[in-house]
């Protein structure tokens, strides 16, 4: 079995230092094109967020859906502004004053809670790359009356592209 040094905050058996591990993740993905998916399943609901960042074109997209509340919203970020398309109503909103903030897409805020509970209140697994970013995790926590599963994965790293959505108006 080949051994390699673990990225900051990680060991073979555990997340040794969660803040350091998340900082290493953030530093690695912050300026890289990527596509990520975060799903939270609990009770009757399923919330999914798919983010894509294309550093070459300076664009990003987010798709957020929530089966419990019937939401399915897409966002497209470019130099033209931020566009929001609600698939359930067909409504398109353009926010010219809102600026794209790349750091928002690398943010690990939604990863903190499930990762902080691994080994304490939750079971699951975490896969981290030699580069230091979290490639995937699957964490389940709960008790007799409650269960929540949180899954995260990076499906593309370094070469993700974001194309102009078909629902966007012509320039």
Protein backbone atom coordinates (compact mmCIF):
# COMPACT_ATOMS: atom_id res chain seq x y z
CA UNK A 1 0.00 0.00 0.00
CA UNK A 2 1.46 3.33 -1.07
CA UNK A 3 1.52 6.01 1.56
CA UNK A 4 1.41 9.71 0.87
CA UNK A 5 1.26 12.76 3.10
CA UNK A 6 -2.27 13.91 3.80
CA UNK A 7 -3.27 17.48 2.99
CA UNK A 8 -3.51 19.98 5.82
CA UNK A 9 -6.23 19.05 8.32
CA UNK A 10 -6.52 15.40 7.26
CA UNK A 11 -5.23 12.04 8.46
CA UNK A 12 -5.91 8.51 7.32
CA UNK A 13 -8.49 7.96 10.06
CA UNK A 14 -10.19 11.30 10.51
CA UNK A 15 -10.55 14.97 9.83
CA UNK A 16 -7.77 16.00 12.16
CA UNK A 17 -8.41 19.76 11.99
CA UNK A 18 -11.67 20.78 10.30
CA UNK A 19 -10.88 24.51 9.86
CA UNK A 20 -7.49 23.68 8.31
CA UNK A 21 -9.07 20.99 6.07
CA UNK A 22 -11.75 23.40 4.85
CA UNK A 23 -9.20 26.16 4.24
CA UNK A 24 -7.11 23.72 2.16
CA UNK A 25 -10.24 22.77 0.20
CA UNK A 26 -11.17 26.40 -0.38
CA UNK A 27 -7.66 27.41 -1.42
CA UNK A 28 -7.53 24.57 -3.96
CA UNK A 29 -10.94 25.07 -5.59
CA UNK A 30 -11.17 28.85 -5.37
CA UNK A 31 -9.53 29.62 -8.73
CA UNK A 32 -10.28 26.38 -10.56
CA UNK A 33 -13.05 25.59 -13.01
CA UNK A 34 -15.26 22.98 -11.39
CA UNK A 35 -18.72 21.42 -11.10
CA UNK A 36 -20.04 20.40 -7.69
CA UNK A 37 -23.26 18.88 -6.38
CA UNK A 38 -24.61 19.06 -2.83
CA UNK A 39 -27.76 17.09 -1.94
CA UNK A 40 -29.54 17.06 1.40
CA UNK A 41 -32.26 14.47 1.91
CA UNK A 42 -34.39 14.52 5.04
CA UNK A 43 -38.00 13.57 5.68
CA UNK A 44 -40.09 14.36 2.62
CA UNK A 45 -37.64 16.83 1.12
CA UNK A 46 -34.64 16.78 -1.15
CA UNK A 47 -32.57 19.94 -1.66
CA UNK A 48 -29.96 19.91 -4.38
CA UNK A 49 -27.52 22.61 -5.43
CA UNK A 50 -25.35 22.18 -8.53
CA UNK A 51 -22.66 24.81 -9.00
CA UNK A 52 -20.40 25.26 -12.01
CA UNK A 53 -17.59 27.77 -12.37
CA UNK A 54 -15.73 28.42 -15.62
CA UNK A 55 -12.65 30.49 -14.81
CA UNK A 56 -11.67 30.75 -18.49
CA UNK A 57 -14.91 32.45 -19.53
CA UNK A 58 -15.56 34.20 -16.21
CA UNK A 59 -19.03 32.66 -15.94
CA UNK A 60 -20.80 30.55 -13.36
CA UNK A 61 -24.13 28.83 -12.93
CA UNK A 62 -26.13 27.55 -10.00
CA UNK A 63 -29.18 25.30 -10.07
CA UNK A 64 -31.09 25.08 -6.81
CA UNK A 65 -34.04 22.77 -6.36
CA UNK A 66 -36.14 21.85 -3.35
CA UNK A 67 -38.74 19.11 -3.76
CA UNK A 68 -40.48 19.92 -0.45
CA UNK A 69 -41.30 23.48 -1.53
CA UNK A 70 -41.45 22.88 -5.29
CA UNK A 71 -38.58 25.24 -6.12
CA UNK A 72 -36.34 24.92 -9.17
CA UNK A 73 -34.29 28.04 -9.81
CA UNK A 74 -31.31 28.57 -12.12
CA UNK A 75 -28.77 31.38 -11.88
CA UNK A 76 -26.29 32.46 -14.53
CA UNK A 77 -23.45 34.82 -13.62
CA UNK A 78 -21.53 36.73 -16.27
CA UNK A 79 -20.19 40.18 -17.09
CA UNK A 80 -23.73 41.05 -18.25
CA UNK A 81 -25.05 40.65 -14.72
CA UNK A 82 -26.78 37.95 -12.74
CA UNK A 83 -29.77 36.24 -14.31
CA UNK A 84 -32.28 34.23 -12.29
CA UNK A 85 -34.69 31.86 -14.02
CA UNK A 86 -37.48 30.19 -12.06
CA UNK A 87 -38.32 26.99 -13.93
CA UNK A 88 -41.58 26.53 -12.02
CA UNK A 89 -43.02 29.94 -13.00
CA UNK A 90 -41.03 30.70 -16.16
CA UNK A 91 -40.05 34.07 -14.66
CA UNK A 92 -36.68 35.57 -15.67
CA UNK A 93 -35.06 38.28 -13.57
CA UNK A 94 -31.92 40.22 -14.49
CA UNK A 95 -29.92 41.84 -11.72
CA UNK A 96 -27.57 44.29 -13.40
CA UNK A 97 -26.24 45.72 -10.15
CA UNK A 98 -25.31 42.38 -8.63
CA UNK A 99 -21.76 41.35 -9.37
CA UNK A 100 -20.46 37.84 -9.67
CA UNK A 101 -18.34 36.94 -6.66
CA UNK A 102 -16.17 33.90 -7.44
CA UNK A 103 -15.47 33.28 -3.75
CA UNK A 104 -19.20 32.67 -3.24
CA UNK A 105 -18.96 29.58 -5.41
CA UNK A 106 -16.00 28.09 -3.56
CA UNK A 107 -17.53 28.71 -0.18
CA UNK A 108 -17.42 25.72 2.09
CA UNK A 109 -20.04 27.05 4.51
CA UNK A 110 -22.56 24.34 3.58
CA UNK A 111 -19.91 21.65 4.13
CA UNK A 112 -19.07 22.58 7.72
CA UNK A 113 -22.05 21.08 9.55
CA UNK A 114 -22.10 17.58 8.03
CA UNK A 115 -18.30 17.26 8.20
CA UNK A 116 -18.16 18.45 11.81
CA UNK A 117 -20.52 15.64 12.80
CA UNK A 118 -18.62 12.76 11.18
CA UNK A 119 -17.66 10.32 13.93
CA UNK A 120 -19.69 12.19 16.56
CA UNK A 121 -23.35 12.28 15.56
CA UNK A 122 -23.06 10.92 12.05
CA UNK A 123 -21.71 8.09 9.95
CA UNK A 124 -20.32 8.20 6.47
CA UNK A 125 -17.22 8.66 4.41
CA UNK A 126 -15.10 11.50 3.06
CA UNK A 127 -12.73 11.36 0.08
CA UNK A 128 -10.03 14.01 -0.12
CA UNK A 129 -7.53 14.39 -2.95
CA UNK A 130 -3.77 14.80 -2.63
CA UNK A 131 -4.29 18.38 -3.83
CA UNK A 132 -6.34 19.10 -0.71
CA UNK A 133 -9.89 19.44 -1.99
CA UNK A 134 -12.83 17.33 -0.86
CA UNK A 135 -13.75 15.13 -3.83
CA UNK A 136 -16.84 13.67 -2.19
CA UNK A 137 -18.57 12.82 1.03
CA UNK A 138 -21.69 11.00 2.11
CA UNK A 139 -22.80 11.67 5.69
CA UNK A 140 -25.93 10.44 7.45
CA UNK A 141 -27.02 11.62 10.86
CA UNK A 142 -30.17 11.10 12.83
CA UNK A 143 -32.07 9.25 15.48
CA UNK A 144 -35.36 7.31 15.74
CA UNK A 145 -37.47 10.25 14.58
CA UNK A 146 -35.10 12.04 12.26
CA UNK A 147 -32.59 11.25 9.53
CA UNK A 148 -30.61 13.50 7.21
CA UNK A 149 -28.26 12.41 4.46
CA UNK A 150 -25.86 14.94 2.96
CA UNK A 151 -23.95 14.06 -0.20
CA UNK A 152 -21.34 16.19 -1.93
CA UNK A 153 -19.15 15.54 -4.94
CA UNK A 154 -16.88 17.33 -7.37
CA UNK A 155 -17.69 15.84 -10.77
CA UNK A 156 -15.36 18.05 -12.81
CA UNK A 157 -12.21 19.77 -11.61
CA UNK A 158 -9.99 22.02 -13.70
CA UNK A 159 -11.91 21.70 -16.95
CA UNK A 160 -15.55 22.49 -16.22
CA UNK A 161 -17.29 24.82 -18.66
CA UNK A 162 -20.39 26.96 -18.31
CA UNK A 163 -22.33 27.64 -21.48
CA UNK A 164 -24.89 30.38 -21.93
CA UNK A 165 -28.26 28.81 -20.96
CA UNK A 166 -31.01 28.46 -23.57
CA UNK A 167 -33.38 30.45 -21.33
CA UNK A 168 -31.13 33.52 -21.50
CA UNK A 169 -32.38 36.42 -23.65
CA UNK A 170 -30.41 37.38 -26.74
CA UNK A 171 -27.78 40.06 -26.21
